Amino acid sequence: MISMDKLFGKYQMDNIVIEDKSLAQVISLTPTLVPHTSARHVKKTLGKMRVSIVERLINKLMRGGTGEKTSGKVIRTQGRLQGKKLQVIRTVEKAFEIVERETKANPVQMLVKAVENSAPCEDVTRVSYGGVSYQIAVDISATRRLDMALRNIALAALMGTFNKKKSLEESLASEIIFTAKGDVQSSYAMRKRDESERMARSAR
C-alpha cells in the first residue's frame, strides 16, 4: 500500500536534518505524495517558502537551458521540458532512485545537503555613484541562497546530459551525490558557489 505521507510513497520527509539554520527557515519539507501544488502559492508574499524543496527543484528543471554560453557551452533545450511537469516529476523520481541505490541514504536528505553545500553566502551587485558604475559585495538572503543553489544543480543536470548519451535522471543524480559529498572538482554547483564568493571577496 502506498503511504500518502511519503514522497513518491517511498521517502520520509519528516526526519530530514537541516544543519544550516539560515536555510532551515526557507526549506519546506511538508510530507506529500506528489510534489505538485498547482502554483497555488504564486501570488502570495514569500509563497515559495511553503513549496516543497523537491517541487522547487522540479520547477527549476522545467525552465530548461539558458540559451546563453555557460561554462563554455551554449545550453538550449528548445522548451522540451517547459510545462511538462509530470515528465520532470518522473525524471526526479528516477534520479532519487539512483541516489538511494548508490548512497543507501534518503535522497531528500542528500538533496538538502547538496543545497547546503552549494548555497553561496555572498554575491556582487552593481551600483552607480556619480555617474560611475562599480560592483560591491553584498550578503545574500536565505531565499536567494536556496534559489541559486537549486538553479545551479538543475543547470548542472541539463549540462551533463546536453548532446550526450547520459540521461537527465543520471546527470541529476550524479550532481546531487557529488554536491552532497562536497566534491568540488566534480560538482558544478559548488564551483559556481566558489566563483560567486570569490568575486564578492574581490569587490569588498
Protein backbone atom coordinates (compact mmCIF):
# COMPACT_ATOMS: atom_id res chain seq x y z
CA MET A 1 0.00 0.00 0.00
CA ILE A 2 1.31 3.45 -0.95
CA SER A 3 1.95 5.76 2.02
CA MET A 4 0.38 9.17 1.43
CA ASP A 5 2.76 10.95 3.81
CA LYS A 6 5.93 9.89 1.97
CA LEU A 7 7.40 11.49 -1.13
CA PHE A 8 6.55 9.24 -4.12
CA GLY A 9 5.26 6.82 -1.49
CA LYS A 10 8.87 5.88 -0.63
CA TYR A 11 10.84 8.61 1.14
CA GLN A 12 10.27 10.07 4.61
CA MET A 13 10.16 13.87 4.73
CA ASP A 14 9.70 14.42 8.48
CA ASN A 15 13.10 13.15 9.62
CA ILE A 16 15.30 15.32 7.39
CA VAL A 17 18.05 17.23 9.20
CA ILE A 18 18.91 20.79 8.05
CA GLU A 19 22.16 21.93 9.64
CA ASP A 20 22.24 25.41 8.06
CA LYS A 21 19.96 27.49 10.31
CA SER A 22 19.53 30.17 7.65
CA LEU A 23 18.28 27.72 5.03
CA ALA A 24 16.15 25.89 7.62
CA GLN A 25 13.82 28.92 7.62
CA VAL A 26 13.04 28.67 3.90
CA ILE A 27 13.26 24.95 3.07
CA SER A 28 9.84 23.30 3.12
CA LEU A 29 9.72 19.59 3.86
CA THR A 30 5.95 19.18 4.04
CA PRO A 31 5.12 15.48 3.50
CA THR A 32 3.47 14.97 0.12
CA LEU A 33 2.95 12.03 -2.21
CA VAL A 34 3.37 14.02 -5.44
CA PRO A 35 5.30 17.34 -5.32
CA HIS A 36 2.79 19.40 -7.28
CA THR A 37 0.89 22.34 -5.74
CA SER A 38 -0.57 23.76 -8.99
CA ALA A 39 1.09 27.14 -8.30
CA ARG A 40 -1.40 28.00 -5.58
CA HIS A 41 1.27 29.98 -3.69
CA VAL A 42 2.45 32.04 -6.66
CA LYS A 43 0.57 35.25 -5.77
CA LYS A 44 1.28 35.12 -2.03
CA THR A 45 4.09 37.05 -0.40
CA LEU A 46 7.01 34.65 0.16
CA GLY A 47 4.71 31.88 -1.02
CA LYS A 48 7.68 29.91 -2.34
CA MET A 49 8.73 29.21 1.24
CA ARG A 50 5.71 26.90 1.55
CA VAL A 51 6.56 24.93 -1.60
CA SER A 52 8.44 21.66 -1.10
CA ILE A 53 12.15 21.80 -1.93
CA VAL A 54 11.65 18.86 -4.30
CA GLU A 55 8.95 20.71 -6.24
CA ARG A 56 11.16 23.79 -6.44
CA LEU A 57 13.92 21.66 -7.98
CA ILE A 58 11.37 20.31 -10.47
CA ASN A 59 10.32 23.86 -11.37
CA LYS A 60 13.96 24.83 -11.97
CA LEU A 61 14.41 21.88 -14.32
CA MET A 62 11.32 22.90 -16.31
CA ARG A 63 12.92 26.25 -17.13
CA GLY A 64 15.25 24.44 -19.50
CA GLY A 65 18.54 25.76 -20.83
CA THR A 66 19.77 29.31 -20.65
CA GLY A 67 20.24 29.79 -24.39
CA GLU A 68 23.48 31.57 -23.47
CA LYS A 69 27.04 30.40 -23.12
CA THR A 70 27.53 28.80 -19.71
CA SER A 71 30.93 27.41 -18.73
CA GLY A 72 31.96 27.38 -22.38
CA LYS A 73 28.77 25.74 -23.64
CA VAL A 74 25.52 27.06 -25.10
CA ILE A 75 22.76 25.13 -23.35
CA ARG A 76 19.40 25.03 -25.14
CA THR A 77 16.58 22.53 -24.67
CA GLN A 78 14.20 24.15 -27.17
CA GLY A 79 11.49 24.20 -24.49
CA ARG A 80 11.23 20.42 -24.34
CA LEU A 81 10.69 20.49 -20.56
CA GLN A 82 8.69 23.69 -20.22
CA GLY A 83 5.19 22.96 -18.94
CA LYS A 84 5.81 19.20 -18.82
CA LYS A 85 5.74 18.87 -15.08
CA LEU A 86 4.63 15.24 -14.87
CA GLN A 87 7.52 14.27 -17.14
CA VAL A 88 10.01 16.14 -14.93
CA ILE A 89 8.45 14.66 -11.77
CA ARG A 90 9.10 11.17 -13.17
CA THR A 91 12.66 12.21 -14.04
CA VAL A 92 13.32 13.41 -10.47
CA GLU A 93 11.76 10.24 -9.04
CA LYS A 94 14.11 8.10 -11.17
CA ALA A 95 17.06 10.30 -10.14
CA PHE A 96 16.16 9.80 -6.47
CA GLU A 97 16.07 6.02 -7.03
CA ILE A 98 19.62 6.21 -8.43
CA VAL A 99 20.78 8.34 -5.48
CA GLU A 100 19.25 5.89 -2.99
CA ARG A 101 20.77 2.90 -4.77
CA GLU A 102 24.27 4.39 -4.89
CA THR A 103 24.41 6.03 -1.45
CA LYS A 104 21.97 3.93 0.64
CA ALA A 105 20.67 7.23 2.02
CA ASN A 106 17.41 9.16 1.84
CA PRO A 107 17.67 11.13 -1.44
CA VAL A 108 15.73 14.06 0.07
CA GLN A 109 18.40 14.32 2.78
CA MET A 110 21.07 14.17 0.08
CA LEU A 111 19.32 16.99 -1.83
CA VAL A 112 19.17 19.14 1.30
CA LYS A 113 22.87 18.50 1.97
CA ALA A 114 23.68 19.38 -1.64
CA VAL A 115 21.78 22.67 -1.29
CA GLU A 116 23.64 23.48 1.94
CA ASN A 117 27.00 22.82 0.26
CA SER A 118 26.25 24.84 -2.88
CA ALA A 119 24.36 27.86 -1.49
CA PRO A 120 26.63 30.95 -1.66
CA CYS A 121 26.75 33.40 1.25
CA GLU A 122 27.93 36.43 -0.73
CA ASP A 123 27.37 37.89 -4.18
CA VAL A 124 28.05 41.14 -6.04
CA THR A 125 25.66 43.83 -7.20
CA ARG A 126 26.20 46.81 -9.48
CA VAL A 127 25.69 50.32 -8.09
CA SER A 128 26.10 53.74 -9.67
CA TYR A 129 27.58 56.70 -7.84
CA GLY A 130 28.42 60.00 -9.51
CA GLY A 131 27.86 58.52 -12.95
CA VAL A 132 30.32 55.71 -12.31
CA SER A 133 29.15 52.10 -12.04
CA TYR A 134 31.02 49.58 -9.95
CA GLN A 135 30.39 46.33 -8.13
CA ILE A 136 30.14 45.84 -4.38
CA ALA A 137 29.89 42.73 -2.25
CA VAL A 138 26.57 42.02 -0.56
CA ASP A 139 25.23 39.33 1.73
CA ILE A 140 22.54 37.10 0.23
CA SER A 141 19.15 36.39 1.81
CA ALA A 142 18.23 32.80 2.65
CA THR A 143 15.58 32.67 -0.10
CA ARG A 144 18.07 33.75 -2.77
CA ARG A 145 20.71 31.33 -1.45
CA LEU A 146 18.22 28.48 -1.89
CA ASP A 147 17.17 29.69 -5.35
CA MET A 148 20.77 29.96 -6.56
CA ALA A 149 21.70 26.52 -5.24
CA LEU A 150 18.69 24.81 -6.85
CA ARG A 151 19.22 26.70 -10.12
CA ASN A 152 22.86 25.61 -10.34
CA ILE A 153 22.02 21.97 -9.52
CA ALA A 154 19.32 21.95 -12.22
CA LEU A 155 21.61 23.66 -14.76
CA ALA A 156 24.38 21.17 -13.99
CA ALA A 157 21.95 18.31 -14.71
CA LEU A 158 21.00 19.86 -18.06
CA MET A 159 24.63 20.48 -18.99
CA GLY A 160 25.56 16.93 -18.01
CA THR A 161 23.10 15.44 -20.50
CA PHE A 162 23.28 18.01 -23.29
CA ASN A 163 24.46 16.38 -26.55
CA LYS A 164 25.46 13.26 -24.58
CA LYS A 165 24.11 9.75 -24.17
CA LYS A 166 23.73 10.28 -20.42
CA SER A 167 20.08 10.62 -19.36
CA LEU A 168 18.77 13.59 -17.40
CA GLU A 169 17.97 11.46 -14.35
CA GLU A 170 21.51 10.04 -14.31
CA SER A 171 23.03 13.50 -14.67
CA LEU A 172 20.81 14.94 -11.90
CA ALA A 173 21.60 12.04 -9.57
CA SER A 174 25.34 12.46 -10.16
CA GLU A 175 25.21 16.21 -9.42
CA ILE A 176 23.23 15.67 -6.20
CA ILE A 177 25.64 12.97 -4.99
CA PHE A 178 28.82 14.91 -5.83
CA THR A 179 27.49 18.14 -4.29
CA ALA A 180 26.19 16.43 -1.15
CA LYS A 181 29.59 14.80 -0.64
CA GLY A 182 31.37 18.13 -1.11
CA ASP A 183 33.31 17.04 -4.19
CA VAL A 184 34.28 20.45 -5.59
CA GLN A 185 36.09 19.00 -8.62
CA SER A 186 33.00 17.10 -9.82
CA SER A 187 30.24 19.42 -8.60
CA TYR A 188 29.28 22.28 -10.95
CA ALA A 189 27.05 23.86 -8.29
CA MET A 190 29.90 24.07 -5.78
CA ARG A 191 32.24 25.58 -8.36
CA LYS A 192 29.64 28.25 -9.11
CA ARG A 193 29.33 28.94 -5.37
CA ASP A 194 33.08 29.39 -5.08
CA GLU A 195 33.10 31.65 -8.14
CA SER A 196 30.34 33.86 -6.70
CA GLU A 197 32.06 34.17 -3.33
CA ARG A 198 35.46 34.81 -4.95
CA MET A 199 34.00 37.71 -6.97
CA ALA A 200 32.42 39.09 -3.78
CA ARG A 201 35.73 38.97 -1.91
CA SER A 202 37.47 40.85 -4.71
CA ALA A 203 34.73 43.53 -4.70
CA ARG A 204 34.95 44.33 -0.99
